[in-house]
């Protein structure tokens, strides 16, 4: 039986290839979202959604749960936790890493 990719701690360094009109997004979550998928799509667009799993990573030896989206073209994006309705939105700026913090959500 093989291990689920999300089950293990991910100590690897995340390399983000950003610049010019390409940025990235990190969504920090509570541990309860570990292994769940979050999606993003260009705002109000029929374009396919990009999805990643919330993984456990270590920062200064402390657990951090996050979804890391890389290679996003600059623009407005919807964030989808629920496939039926966006959970929020974010602006991606080329050459920058946007962050969204869901750790304090009720």
Protein backbone atom coordinates (compact mmCIF):
# COMPACT_ATOMS: atom_id res chain seq x y z
CA UNK A 1 0.00 0.00 0.00
CA UNK A 2 1.47 3.36 -0.99
CA UNK A 3 1.44 6.44 1.18
CA UNK A 4 -0.83 9.36 0.22
CA UNK A 5 1.28 12.33 -0.90
CA UNK A 6 -0.47 14.67 1.57
CA UNK A 7 0.00 12.32 4.54
CA UNK A 8 3.66 13.05 5.08
CA UNK A 9 5.37 16.24 6.27
CA UNK A 10 6.91 18.13 3.35
CA UNK A 11 10.31 19.48 4.45
CA UNK A 12 11.38 20.24 0.86
CA UNK A 13 12.10 23.79 -0.17
CA UNK A 14 9.39 25.30 -2.36
CA UNK A 15 10.87 26.87 -5.49
CA UNK A 16 8.67 29.52 -7.09
CA UNK A 17 9.46 30.52 -10.66
CA UNK A 18 7.97 34.02 -10.69
CA UNK A 19 8.73 37.23 -12.52
CA UNK A 20 7.39 39.68 -15.08
CA UNK A 21 3.68 38.71 -15.39
CA UNK A 22 3.86 35.50 -13.31
CA UNK A 23 3.27 35.37 -9.56
CA UNK A 24 2.40 32.86 -6.86
CA UNK A 25 -0.13 32.39 -4.05
CA UNK A 26 0.19 30.80 -0.62
CA UNK A 27 -2.98 30.08 1.35
CA UNK A 28 -2.31 29.31 5.03
CA UNK A 29 -4.91 27.07 6.67
CA UNK A 30 -5.75 25.31 9.91
CA UNK A 31 -4.57 21.69 10.35
CA UNK A 32 -8.16 20.51 9.76
CA UNK A 33 -7.74 21.32 6.05
CA UNK A 34 -4.67 19.07 5.72
CA UNK A 35 -5.01 17.01 2.54
CA UNK A 36 -7.99 18.94 1.15
CA UNK A 37 -7.84 20.57 -2.24
CA UNK A 38 -8.23 24.29 -2.85
CA UNK A 39 -8.74 25.68 -6.34
CA UNK A 40 -8.15 29.02 -8.01
CA UNK A 41 -9.38 30.37 -11.34
CA UNK A 42 -9.22 33.68 -13.14
CA UNK A 43 -12.00 35.82 -11.66
CA UNK A 44 -15.39 35.47 -13.34
CA UNK A 45 -13.93 33.21 -16.01
CA UNK A 46 -14.91 29.85 -17.45
CA UNK A 47 -11.20 28.92 -17.59
CA UNK A 48 -10.25 25.64 -15.92
CA UNK A 49 -9.43 25.84 -12.24
CA UNK A 50 -5.98 25.07 -10.86
CA UNK A 51 -6.00 22.93 -7.72
CA UNK A 52 -3.47 21.93 -5.08
CA UNK A 53 -3.63 20.07 -1.78
CA UNK A 54 -3.07 21.63 1.61
CA UNK A 55 0.19 20.11 2.80
CA UNK A 56 1.98 20.13 6.12
CA UNK A 57 5.32 21.89 5.95
CA UNK A 58 7.83 22.92 8.63
CA UNK A 59 8.97 26.48 9.19
CA UNK A 60 11.47 26.91 12.00
CA UNK A 61 10.55 23.40 13.13
CA UNK A 62 6.87 24.36 13.55
CA UNK A 63 4.04 22.76 11.51
CA UNK A 64 2.45 25.03 8.92
CA UNK A 65 -0.44 23.95 6.70
CA UNK A 66 -0.60 25.65 3.33
CA UNK A 67 -1.65 25.39 -0.30
CA UNK A 68 1.03 26.76 -2.65
CA UNK A 69 0.04 27.87 -6.14
CA UNK A 70 2.90 28.78 -8.45
CA UNK A 71 3.03 30.02 -12.02
CA UNK A 72 -0.14 32.12 -11.87
CA UNK A 73 -0.47 34.85 -14.49
CA UNK A 74 -1.01 38.32 -13.04
CA UNK A 75 -4.68 39.17 -12.52
CA UNK A 76 -7.72 38.71 -10.29
CA UNK A 77 -8.49 35.17 -9.10
CA UNK A 78 -11.38 33.46 -7.34
CA UNK A 79 -10.48 30.99 -4.58
CA UNK A 80 -12.62 27.86 -4.38
CA UNK A 81 -12.80 25.80 -1.19
CA UNK A 82 -16.33 24.75 -2.12
CA UNK A 83 -16.82 23.84 -5.79
CA UNK A 84 -20.19 25.64 -5.92
CA UNK A 85 -19.20 29.13 -4.77
CA UNK A 86 -15.95 31.09 -4.42
CA UNK A 87 -14.60 31.43 -0.88
CA UNK A 88 -12.79 34.65 -1.68
CA UNK A 89 -10.56 36.33 -4.20
CA UNK A 90 -7.02 37.53 -4.54
CA UNK A 91 -4.96 39.70 -6.88
CA UNK A 92 -1.82 38.11 -8.28
CA UNK A 93 0.96 40.55 -9.19
CA UNK A 94 3.79 39.45 -11.47
CA UNK A 95 7.04 38.81 -9.62
CA UNK A 96 5.32 38.67 -6.21
CA UNK A 97 3.92 36.08 -3.82
CA UNK A 98 0.40 36.84 -2.58
CA UNK A 99 -0.71 35.35 0.73
CA UNK A 100 -4.14 34.56 2.12
CA UNK A 101 -4.48 33.51 5.75
CA UNK A 102 -7.42 31.26 6.58
CA UNK A 103 -6.06 30.18 9.99
CA UNK A 104 -8.32 32.57 11.91
CA UNK A 105 -11.53 31.84 10.02
CA UNK A 106 -14.53 30.80 12.09
